[in-house]
Amino acid sequence: MDATNDDHDKAWEETTALASPALLGAAAGLILGEVMHANARRGIAIGLAALGVAALMPLAVSGIVNKVNGPKTRRGVQRRLRGIRDAGDGVVEDALEETGVI
């Protein structure tokens, strides 16, 4: 179940990362274009730029979290070992019950 959540999170992060250049490009186009009044253009451009930056935040946060807790870091190795140890807790007891020792 965790693997499906990780895949879903990564897909969402990639989608936002793909949307942000379009938002930033639209913001630049509005700033440079002369179709709208300058004050209206500036407000919309700032809003689109803010959305573009916000769309990149999940990708940036994911990268930082991976650097801190990734599988090659000390914390990541400890988490992996803890998961392996916790998964094997009942195995020995079940084997002893099956053989009649307990």
Protein backbone atom coordinates (compact mmCIF):
# COMPACT_ATOMS: atom_id res chain seq x y z
CA MET A 1 0.00 0.00 0.00
CA ASP A 2 2.88 2.37 0.68
CA ALA A 3 4.32 1.83 -2.79
CA THR A 4 1.11 3.02 -4.46
CA ASN A 5 1.10 6.16 -2.32
CA ASP A 6 4.73 6.87 -3.22
CA ASP A 7 3.97 6.43 -6.93
CA HIS A 8 0.96 8.74 -6.64
CA ASP A 9 3.00 11.37 -4.80
CA LYS A 10 5.78 11.25 -7.39
CA ALA A 11 3.29 11.57 -10.25
CA TRP A 12 1.75 14.61 -8.58
CA GLU A 13 5.16 16.20 -8.03
CA GLU A 14 6.16 15.59 -11.64
CA THR A 15 2.89 17.07 -12.89
CA THR A 16 3.36 20.23 -10.86
CA ALA A 17 6.96 20.46 -12.02
CA LEU A 18 5.76 20.29 -15.63
CA ALA A 19 3.06 22.91 -15.07
CA SER A 20 5.33 25.48 -13.46
CA PRO A 21 7.32 26.44 -16.59
CA ALA A 22 4.05 27.10 -18.42
CA LEU A 23 2.83 29.33 -15.60
CA LEU A 24 6.13 31.16 -15.42
CA GLY A 25 6.14 31.57 -19.21
CA ALA A 26 2.63 32.98 -19.15
CA ALA A 27 3.71 35.41 -16.45
CA ALA A 28 6.68 36.55 -18.52
CA GLY A 29 4.46 36.91 -21.59
CA LEU A 30 2.07 39.13 -19.70
CA ILE A 31 4.85 41.28 -18.35
CA LEU A 32 6.37 41.71 -21.78
CA GLY A 33 3.12 41.93 -23.74
CA GLU A 34 1.29 45.17 -24.27
CA VAL A 35 -2.23 43.81 -24.69
CA MET A 36 -3.46 44.80 -21.23
CA HIS A 37 -3.21 47.88 -19.11
CA ALA A 38 0.10 47.90 -17.19
CA ASN A 39 -1.44 47.64 -13.71
CA ALA A 40 -3.75 44.75 -14.68
CA ARG A 41 -0.93 42.99 -16.48
CA ARG A 42 1.40 43.34 -13.51
CA GLY A 43 -1.15 41.90 -11.06
CA ILE A 44 -1.95 38.89 -13.22
CA ALA A 45 1.73 38.29 -13.92
CA ILE A 46 2.60 38.34 -10.23
CA GLY A 47 -0.25 35.91 -9.51
CA LEU A 48 0.86 33.50 -12.24
CA ALA A 49 4.48 33.74 -11.10
CA ALA A 50 3.38 32.89 -7.55
CA LEU A 51 1.46 29.86 -8.87
CA GLY A 52 4.52 28.74 -10.82
CA VAL A 53 6.73 28.94 -7.75
CA ALA A 54 4.07 27.17 -5.67
CA ALA A 55 3.90 24.41 -8.28
CA LEU A 56 7.64 23.80 -7.89
CA MET A 57 7.48 23.57 -4.09
CA PRO A 58 6.44 19.87 -3.86
CA LEU A 59 9.35 18.90 -6.09
CA ALA A 60 11.79 21.00 -4.05
CA VAL A 61 10.49 19.64 -0.74
CA SER A 62 10.67 16.08 -2.06
CA GLY A 63 14.28 16.60 -3.09
CA ILE A 64 15.22 18.01 0.30
CA VAL A 65 13.44 15.19 2.16
CA ASN A 66 15.19 12.63 -0.03
CA LYS A 67 18.56 14.21 0.77
CA VAL A 68 17.83 14.07 4.50
CA ASN A 69 15.98 10.74 4.75
CA GLY A 70 16.96 8.99 1.52
CA PRO A 71 18.01 5.34 1.39
CA LYS A 72 21.71 6.22 1.23
CA THR A 73 21.70 8.44 4.31
CA ARG A 74 22.27 7.29 7.86
CA ARG A 75 18.64 7.92 8.79
CA GLY A 76 17.45 6.00 5.73
CA VAL A 77 19.63 3.01 6.58
CA GLN A 78 18.37 3.03 10.18
CA ARG A 79 14.75 3.18 8.99
CA ARG A 80 15.35 0.26 6.61
CA LEU A 81 16.97 -1.86 9.33
CA ARG A 82 14.15 -1.04 11.75
CA GLY A 83 11.62 -2.13 9.13
CA ILE A 84 13.45 -5.40 8.56
CA ARG A 85 13.67 -6.08 12.28
CA ASP A 86 10.01 -5.27 12.86
CA ALA A 87 8.91 -7.47 9.98
CA GLY A 88 10.72 -10.48 11.42
CA ASP A 89 9.41 -10.23 15.00
CA GLY A 90 6.67 -12.85 14.68
CA VAL A 91 8.54 -15.25 12.39
CA VAL A 92 10.60 -16.98 15.08
CA GLU A 93 7.64 -17.25 17.46
CA ASP A 94 5.44 -18.72 14.71
CA ALA A 95 8.13 -21.27 13.85
CA LEU A 96 8.50 -22.28 17.49
CA GLU A 97 4.72 -22.69 17.85
CA GLU A 98 4.56 -24.87 14.73
CA THR A 99 7.29 -27.19 16.01
CA GLY A 100 5.60 -27.45 19.41
CA VAL A 101 8.41 -25.86 21.39
CA ILE A 102 6.10 -23.15 22.76
